[in-house]
PDB file of N, CA and C in Angstrom:
ATOM      1  N   MET A   1       0.852  -1.172   0.000  1.00  0.00           N
ATOM      2  CA  MET A   1       0.000   0.000   0.000  1.00  0.00           C
ATOM      3  C   MET A   1       0.899   1.237   0.000  1.00  0.00           C
ATOM      4  N   GLU A   2       0.639   2.125  -0.909  1.00  0.00           N
ATOM      5  CA  GLU A   2       1.449   3.338  -0.963  1.00  0.00           C
ATOM      6  C   GLU A   2       0.985   4.344   0.085  1.00  0.00           C
ATOM      7  N   LYS A   3       1.877   5.258   0.432  1.00  0.00           N
ATOM      8  CA  LYS A   3       1.540   6.288   1.410  1.00  0.00           C
ATOM      9  C   LYS A   3       0.451   7.206   0.883  1.00  0.00           C
ATOM     10  N   ALA A   4      -0.490   7.521   1.738  1.00  0.00           N
ATOM     11  CA  ALA A   4      -1.564   8.432   1.356  1.00  0.00           C
ATOM     12  C   ALA A   4      -1.966   9.247   2.574  1.00  0.00           C
ATOM     13  N   ILE A   5      -2.377  10.444   2.339  1.00  0.00           N
ATOM     14  CA  ILE A   5      -2.871  11.293   3.418  1.00  0.00           C
ATOM     15  C   ILE A   5      -4.364  11.467   3.216  1.00  0.00           C
ATOM     16  N   ILE A   6      -5.103  11.151   4.260  1.00  0.00           N
ATOM     17  CA  ILE A   6      -6.553  11.311   4.208  1.00  0.00           C
ATOM     18  C   ILE A   6      -6.880  12.718   4.672  1.00  0.00           C
ATOM     19  N   VAL A   7      -7.647  13.401   3.866  1.00  0.00           N
ATOM     20  CA  VAL A   7      -7.990  14.790   4.178  1.00  0.00           C
ATOM     21  C   VAL A   7      -9.497  14.919   4.389  1.00  0.00           C
ATOM     22  N   PRO A   8      -9.918  15.924   5.153  1.00  0.00           N
ATOM     23  CA  PRO A   8     -11.359  16.158   5.314  1.00  0.00           C
ATOM     24  C   PRO A   8     -12.020  16.366   3.959  1.00  0.00           C
ATOM     25  N   TRP A   9     -13.286  16.019   3.886  1.00  0.00           N
ATOM     26  CA  TRP A   9     -14.033  16.220   2.655  1.00  0.00           C
ATOM     27  C   TRP A   9     -15.254  17.072   2.939  1.00  0.00           C
ATOM     28  N   GLU A  10     -15.800  17.629   1.897  1.00  0.00           N
ATOM     29  CA  GLU A  10     -16.944  18.533   2.049  1.00  0.00           C
ATOM     30  C   GLU A  10     -18.253  17.808   1.819  1.00  0.00           C
ATOM     31  N   GLU A  11     -19.239  18.189   2.580  1.00  0.00           N
ATOM     32  CA  GLU A  11     -20.599  17.722   2.348  1.00  0.00           C
ATOM     33  C   GLU A  11     -21.324  18.823   1.585  1.00  0.00           C
ATOM     34  N   ASP A  12     -22.108  18.430   0.622  1.00  0.00           N
ATOM     35  CA  ASP A  12     -22.927  19.403  -0.097  1.00  0.00           C
ATOM     36  C   ASP A  12     -24.239  18.734  -0.485  1.00  0.00           C
ATOM     37  N   GLU A  13     -25.031  19.403  -1.280  1.00  0.00           N
ATOM     38  CA  GLU A  13     -26.335  18.855  -1.643  1.00  0.00           C
ATOM     39  C   GLU A  13     -26.240  17.606  -2.519  1.00  0.00           C
ATOM     40  N   LEU A  14     -25.065  17.329  -3.081  1.00  0.00           N
ATOM     41  CA  LEU A  14     -24.896  16.152  -3.928  1.00  0.00           C
ATOM     42  C   LEU A  14     -24.442  14.923  -3.151  1.00  0.00           C
ATOM     43  N   THR A  15     -24.006  15.094  -1.904  1.00  0.00           N
ATOM     44  CA  THR A  15     -23.557  13.962  -1.099  1.00  0.00           C
ATOM     45  C   THR A  15     -24.600  13.640  -0.033  1.00  0.00           C
ATOM     46  N   HIS A  16     -24.634  12.395   0.386  1.00  0.00           N
ATOM     47  CA  HIS A  16     -25.555  11.983   1.438  1.00  0.00           C
ATOM     48  C   HIS A  16     -24.834  11.989   2.789  1.00  0.00           C
ATOM     49  N   GLU A  17     -25.588  11.787   3.837  1.00  0.00           N
ATOM     50  CA  GLU A  17     -25.068  11.878   5.202  1.00  0.00           C
ATOM     51  C   GLU A  17     -23.872  10.955   5.446  1.00  0.00           C
ATOM     52  N   PHE A  18     -23.870   9.767   4.849  1.00  0.00           N
ATOM     53  CA  PHE A  18     -22.802   8.798   5.093  1.00  0.00           C
ATOM     54  C   PHE A  18     -21.826   8.703   3.912  1.00  0.00           C
ATOM     55  N   PHE A  19     -21.681   9.768   3.172  1.00  0.00           N
ATOM     56  CA  PHE A  19     -20.745   9.800   2.043  1.00  0.00           C
ATOM     57  C   PHE A  19     -19.309   9.673   2.535  1.00  0.00           C
ATOM     58  N   VAL A  20     -18.542   8.804   1.866  1.00  0.00           N
ATOM     59  CA  VAL A  20     -17.100   8.658   2.094  1.00  0.00           C
ATOM     60  C   VAL A  20     -16.460   8.688   0.714  1.00  0.00           C
ATOM     61  N   PRO A  21     -15.418   9.501   0.524  1.00  0.00           N
ATOM     62  CA  PRO A  21     -14.780   9.559  -0.802  1.00  0.00           C
ATOM     63  C   PRO A  21     -14.304   8.188  -1.278  1.00  0.00           C
ATOM     64  N   GLU A  22     -14.349   8.002  -2.578  1.00  0.00           N
ATOM     65  CA  GLU A  22     -14.003   6.705  -3.176  1.00  0.00           C
ATOM     66  C   GLU A  22     -12.592   6.245  -2.815  1.00  0.00           C
ATOM     67  N   TYR A  23     -11.620   7.149  -2.765  1.00  0.00           N
ATOM     68  CA  TYR A  23     -10.250   6.733  -2.458  1.00  0.00           C
ATOM     69  C   TYR A  23     -10.157   6.165  -1.041  1.00  0.00           C
ATOM     70  N   ILE A  24     -10.992   6.640  -0.131  1.00  0.00           N
ATOM     71  CA  ILE A  24     -11.000   6.108   1.235  1.00  0.00           C
ATOM     72  C   ILE A  24     -11.682   4.743   1.263  1.00  0.00           C
ATOM     73  N   GLU A  25     -12.758   4.577   0.512  1.00  0.00           N
ATOM     74  CA  GLU A  25     -13.407   3.266   0.419  1.00  0.00           C
ATOM     75  C   GLU A  25     -12.432   2.219  -0.108  1.00  0.00           C
ATOM     76  N   LYS A  26     -11.701   2.558  -1.165  1.00  0.00           N
ATOM     77  CA  LYS A  26     -10.718   1.625  -1.739  1.00  0.00           C
ATOM     78  C   LYS A  26      -9.624   1.300  -0.732  1.00  0.00           C
ATOM     79  N   MET A  27      -9.165   2.309  -0.014  1.00  0.00           N
ATOM     80  CA  MET A  27      -8.126   2.120   0.990  1.00  0.00           C
ATOM     81  C   MET A  27      -8.612   1.181   2.099  1.00  0.00           C
ATOM     82  N   SER A  28      -9.853   1.355   2.527  1.00  0.00           N
ATOM     83  CA  SER A  28     -10.389   0.506   3.590  1.00  0.00           C
ATOM     84  C   SER A  28     -10.460  -0.955   3.139  1.00  0.00           C
ATOM     85  N   LEU A  29     -10.843  -1.191   1.891  1.00  0.00           N
ATOM     86  CA  LEU A  29     -10.886  -2.564   1.373  1.00  0.00           C
ATOM     87  C   LEU A  29      -9.491  -3.171   1.306  1.00  0.00           C
ATOM     88  N   GLU A  30      -8.482  -2.368   0.969  1.00  0.00           N
ATOM     89  CA  GLU A  30      -7.093  -2.850   0.970  1.00  0.00           C
ATOM     90  C   GLU A  30      -6.657  -3.244   2.374  1.00  0.00           C
ATOM     91  N   VAL A  31      -7.012  -2.441   3.348  1.00  0.00           N
ATOM     92  CA  VAL A  31      -6.664  -2.724   4.745  1.00  0.00           C
ATOM     93  C   VAL A  31      -7.284  -4.048   5.173  1.00  0.00           C
ATOM     94  N   LEU A  32      -8.544  -4.269   4.823  1.00  0.00           N
ATOM     95  CA  LEU A  32      -9.247  -5.482   5.243  1.00  0.00           C
ATOM     96  C   LEU A  32      -8.634  -6.748   4.669  1.00  0.00           C
ATOM     97  N   GLU A  33      -7.903  -6.649   3.567  1.00  0.00           N
ATOM     98  CA  GLU A  33      -7.242  -7.817   2.984  1.00  0.00           C
ATOM     99  C   GLU A  33      -6.157  -8.378   3.902  1.00  0.00           C
ATOM    100  N   HIS A  34      -5.705  -7.603   4.874  1.00  0.00           N
ATOM    101  CA  HIS A  34      -4.627  -8.021   5.766  1.00  0.00           C
ATOM    102  C   HIS A  34      -5.134  -8.752   7.012  1.00  0.00           C
ATOM    103  N   TYR A  35      -6.427  -9.014   7.069  1.00  0.00           N
ATOM    104  CA  TYR A  35      -7.011  -9.709   8.215  1.00  0.00           C
ATOM    105  C   TYR A  35      -7.489 -11.097   7.785  1.00  0.00           C
ATOM    106  N   GLY A  36      -7.576 -12.005   8.743  1.00  0.00           N
ATOM    107  CA  GLY A  36      -7.909 -13.400   8.462  1.00  0.00           C
ATOM    108  C   GLY A  36      -9.393 -13.700   8.443  1.00  0.00           C
ATOM    109  N   PHE A  37     -10.176 -12.827   7.865  1.00  0.00           N
ATOM    110  CA  PHE A  37     -11.605 -13.084   7.725  1.00  0.00           C
ATOM    111  C   PHE A  37     -12.094 -12.472   6.422  1.00  0.00           C
ATOM    112  N   SER A  38     -13.261 -12.931   5.986  1.00  0.00           N
ATOM    113  CA  SER A  38     -13.863 -12.344   4.791  1.00  0.00           C
ATOM    114  C   SER A  38     -15.043 -11.480   5.226  1.00  0.00           C
ATOM    115  N   VAL A  39     -15.314 -10.464   4.445  1.00  0.00           N
ATOM    116  CA  VAL A  39     -16.384  -9.508   4.757  1.00  0.00           C
ATOM    117  C   VAL A  39     -17.587  -9.819   3.868  1.00  0.00           C
ATOM    118  N   GLN A  40     -18.723 -10.095   4.502  1.00  0.00           N
ATOM    119  CA  GLN A  40     -19.949 -10.357   3.753  1.00  0.00           C
ATOM    120  C   GLN A  40     -20.738  -9.069   3.505  1.00  0.00           C
ATOM    121  N   ASN A  41     -20.667  -8.137   4.453  1.00  0.00           N
ATOM    122  CA  ASN A  41     -21.433  -6.900   4.346  1.00  0.00           C
ATOM    123  C   ASN A  41     -20.675  -5.793   5.070  1.00  0.00           C
ATOM    124  N   ILE A  42     -20.652  -4.611   4.483  1.00  0.00           N
ATOM    125  CA  ILE A  42     -20.003  -3.459   5.123  1.00  0.00           C
ATOM    126  C   ILE A  42     -20.891  -2.240   4.892  1.00  0.00           C
ATOM    127  N   GLN A  43     -21.040  -1.447   5.948  1.00  0.00           N
ATOM    128  CA  GLN A  43     -21.953  -0.302   5.880  1.00  0.00           C
ATOM    129  C   GLN A  43     -21.391   0.837   6.729  1.00  0.00           C
ATOM    130  N   VAL A  44     -21.380   2.040   6.160  1.00  0.00           N
ATOM    131  CA  VAL A  44     -20.955   3.224   6.909  1.00  0.00           C
ATOM    132  C   VAL A  44     -22.029   3.549   7.938  1.00  0.00           C
ATOM    133  N   VAL A  45     -21.611   3.749   9.209  1.00  0.00           N
ATOM    134  CA  VAL A  45     -22.584   4.097  10.246  1.00  0.00           C
ATOM    135  C   VAL A  45     -22.447   5.536  10.727  1.00  0.00           C
ATOM    136  N   THR A  46     -21.282   6.124  10.523  1.00  0.00           N
ATOM    137  CA  THR A  46     -21.111   7.539  10.866  1.00  0.00           C
ATOM    138  C   THR A  46     -19.878   8.103  10.152  1.00  0.00           C
ATOM    139  N   THR A  47     -19.886   9.403   9.948  1.00  0.00           N
ATOM    140  CA  THR A  47     -18.729  10.069   9.338  1.00  0.00           C
ATOM    141  C   THR A  47     -18.433  11.371  10.073  1.00  0.00           C
ATOM    142  N   LYS A  48     -17.215  11.820   9.941  1.00  0.00           N
ATOM    143  CA  LYS A  48     -16.773  13.141  10.392  1.00  0.00           C
ATOM    144  C   LYS A  48     -16.077  13.788   9.206  1.00  0.00           C
ATOM    145  N   PRO A  49     -16.847  14.240   8.210  1.00  0.00           N
ATOM    146  CA  PRO A  49     -16.236  14.761   6.985  1.00  0.00           C
ATOM    147  C   PRO A  49     -15.344  15.974   7.222  1.00  0.00           C
ATOM    148  N   ASP A  50     -15.680  16.770   8.223  1.00  0.00           N
ATOM    149  CA  ASP A  50     -14.875  17.959   8.499  1.00  0.00           C
ATOM    150  C   ASP A  50     -13.510  17.621   9.073  1.00  0.00           C
ATOM    151  N   LYS A  51     -13.347  16.381   9.549  1.00  0.00           N
ATOM    152  CA  LYS A  51     -12.064  15.957  10.101  1.00  0.00           C
ATOM    153  C   LYS A  51     -11.441  14.803   9.321  1.00  0.00           C
ATOM    154  N   GLY A  52     -12.212  14.163   8.447  1.00  0.00           N
ATOM    155  CA  GLY A  52     -11.693  13.040   7.662  1.00  0.00           C
ATOM    156  C   GLY A  52     -11.794  11.719   8.392  1.00  0.00           C
ATOM    157  N   GLY A  53     -12.908  11.443   9.058  1.00  0.00           N
ATOM    158  CA  GLY A  53     -13.075  10.198   9.790  1.00  0.00           C
ATOM    159  C   GLY A  53     -14.376   9.500   9.458  1.00  0.00           C
ATOM    160  N   SER A  54     -14.416   8.175   9.678  1.00  0.00           N
ATOM    161  CA  SER A  54     -15.641   7.418   9.461  1.00  0.00           C
ATOM    162  C   SER A  54     -15.569   6.093  10.207  1.00  0.00           C
ATOM    163  N   ILE A  55     -16.743   5.487  10.403  1.00  0.00           N
ATOM    164  CA  ILE A  55     -16.838   4.170  11.035  1.00  0.00           C
ATOM    165  C   ILE A  55     -17.749   3.308  10.175  1.00  0.00           C
ATOM    166  N   TRP A  56     -17.292   2.065   9.917  1.00  0.00           N
ATOM    167  CA  TRP A  56     -18.074   1.090   9.169  1.00  0.00           C
ATOM    168  C   TRP A  56     -18.469  -0.054  10.094  1.00  0.00           C
ATOM    169  N   LYS A  57     -19.658  -0.590   9.911  1.00  0.00           N
ATOM    170  CA  LYS A  57     -20.115  -1.804  10.587  1.00  0.00           C
ATOM    171  C   LYS A  57     -19.986  -2.928   9.570  1.00  0.00           C
ATOM    172  N   MET A  58     -19.435  -4.078  10.010  1.00  0.00           N
ATOM    173  CA  MET A  58     -19.209  -5.183   9.083  1.00  0.00           C
ATOM    174  C   MET A  58     -19.747  -6.489   9.630  1.00  0.00           C
ATOM    175  N   GLU A  59     -20.242  -7.319   8.742  1.00  0.00           N
ATOM    176  CA  GLU A  59     -20.539  -8.709   9.043  1.00  0.00           C
ATOM    177  C   GLU A  59     -19.428  -9.506   8.375  1.00  0.00           C
ATOM    178  N   THR A  60     -18.709 -10.309   9.165  1.00  0.00           N
ATOM    179  CA  THR A  60     -17.568 -11.052   8.635  1.00  0.00           C
ATOM    180  C   THR A  60     -17.705 -12.539   8.948  1.00  0.00           C
ATOM    181  N   SER A  61     -16.804 -13.317   8.372  1.00  0.00           N
ATOM    182  CA  SER A  61     -16.772 -14.752   8.651  1.00  0.00           C
ATOM    183  C   SER A  61     -16.380 -15.021  10.101  1.00  0.00           C
ATOM    184  N   SER A  62     -15.881 -14.017  10.806  1.00  0.00           N
ATOM    185  CA  SER A  62     -15.531 -14.137  12.223  1.00  0.00           C
ATOM    186  C   SER A  62     -16.507 -13.386  13.124  1.00  0.00           C
ATOM    187  N   GLY A  63     -17.679 -13.074  12.607  1.00  0.00           N
ATOM    188  CA  GLY A  63     -18.679 -12.358  13.395  1.00  0.00           C
ATOM    189  C   GLY A  63     -18.665 -10.868  13.100  1.00  0.00           C
ATOM    190  N   PRO A  64     -19.475 -10.092  13.838  1.00  0.00           N
ATOM    191  CA  PRO A  64     -19.554  -8.649  13.594  1.00  0.00           C
ATOM    192  C   PRO A  64     -18.267  -7.935  14.008  1.00  0.00           C
ATOM    193  N   LYS A  65     -17.899  -6.944  13.228  1.00  0.00           N
ATOM    194  CA  LYS A  65     -16.692  -6.148  13.503  1.00  0.00           C
ATOM    195  C   LYS A  65     -16.963  -4.720  13.071  1.00  0.00           C
ATOM    196  N   SER A  66     -16.050  -3.827  13.454  1.00  0.00           N
ATOM    197  CA  SER A  66     -16.117  -2.448  12.952  1.00  0.00           C
ATOM    198  C   SER A  66     -14.751  -2.038  12.448  1.00  0.00           C
ATOM    199  N   LEU A  67     -14.762  -1.102  11.526  1.00  0.00           N
ATOM    200  CA  LEU A  67     -13.537  -0.517  10.976  1.00  0.00           C
ATOM    201  C   LEU A  67     -13.644   0.978  11.194  1.00  0.00           C
ATOM    202  N   LYS A  68     -12.646   1.541  11.854  1.00  0.00           N
ATOM    203  CA  LYS A  68     -12.699   2.960  12.183  1.00  0.00           C
ATOM    204  C   LYS A  68     -11.550   3.705  11.520  1.00  0.00           C
ATOM    205  N   LEU A  69     -11.895   4.775  10.875  1.00  0.00           N
ATOM    206  CA  LEU A  69     -10.914   5.700  10.313  1.00  0.00           C
ATOM    207  C   LEU A  69     -10.903   6.892  11.255  1.00  0.00           C
ATOM    208  N   LEU A  70      -9.879   6.961  12.100  1.00  0.00           N
ATOM    209  CA  LEU A  70      -9.807   8.027  13.084  1.00  0.00           C
ATOM    210  C   LEU A  70      -9.217   9.279  12.464  1.00  0.00           C
ATOM    211  N   HIS A  71      -9.727  10.402  12.882  1.00  0.00           N
ATOM    212  CA  HIS A  71      -9.261  11.668  12.341  1.00  0.00           C
ATOM    213  C   HIS A  71      -8.081  12.170  13.176  1.00  0.00           C
ATOM    214  N   ARG A  72      -6.899  11.685  12.831  1.00  0.00           N
ATOM    215  CA  ARG A  72      -5.659  12.089  13.494  1.00  0.00           C
ATOM    216  C   ARG A  72      -4.740  12.731  12.474  1.00  0.00           C
ATOM    217  N   ARG A  73      -4.161  13.831  12.851  1.00  0.00           N
ATOM    218  CA  ARG A  73      -3.189  14.487  11.971  1.00  0.00           C
ATOM    219  C   ARG A  73      -1.875  13.719  12.006  1.00  0.00           C
ATOM    220  N   PRO A  74      -1.188  13.625  10.857  1.00  0.00           N
ATOM    221  CA  PRO A  74       0.118  12.949  10.855  1.00  0.00           C
ATOM    222  C   PRO A  74       1.118  13.738  11.698  1.00  0.00           C
ATOM    223  N   LYS A  75       2.028  13.001  12.350  1.00  0.00           N
ATOM    224  CA  LYS A  75       3.063  13.669  13.147  1.00  0.00           C
ATOM    225  C   LYS A  75       3.997  14.426  12.211  1.00  0.00           C
ATOM    226  N   LYS A  76       4.487  15.544  12.673  1.00  0.00           N
ATOM    227  CA  LYS A  76       5.449  16.300  11.878  1.00  0.00           C
ATOM    228  C   LYS A  76       6.849  15.781  12.186  1.00  0.00           C
ATOM    229  N   TYR A  77       7.578  15.442  11.158  1.00  0.00           N
ATOM    230  CA  TYR A  77       8.935  14.941  11.316  1.00  0.00           C
ATOM    231  C   TYR A  77       9.912  16.039  10.933  1.00  0.00           C
ATOM    232  N   VAL A  78      10.948  16.147  11.699  1.00  0.00           N
ATOM    233  CA  VAL A  78      11.959  17.194  11.453  1.00  0.00           C
ATOM    234  C   VAL A  78      13.144  16.609  10.738  1.00  0.00           C
TER     235      VAL A  78
END
């Protein structure tokens, strides 16, 4: 997985309440490939578009799970 910075996104009349940008959806699916279960269903349950965060509810082969994208700024390196 290449380095990427997740940035806040804007809500407008064209997006719905649980909108997550496509690049973040793709990134989340890549992350899930590194776990030992398969995902049968995934659904966004909340977002923080102004900060760049979201939470998904999942049904997996290992039972219910959640995936959280926390809105944390990257550390500054000197």
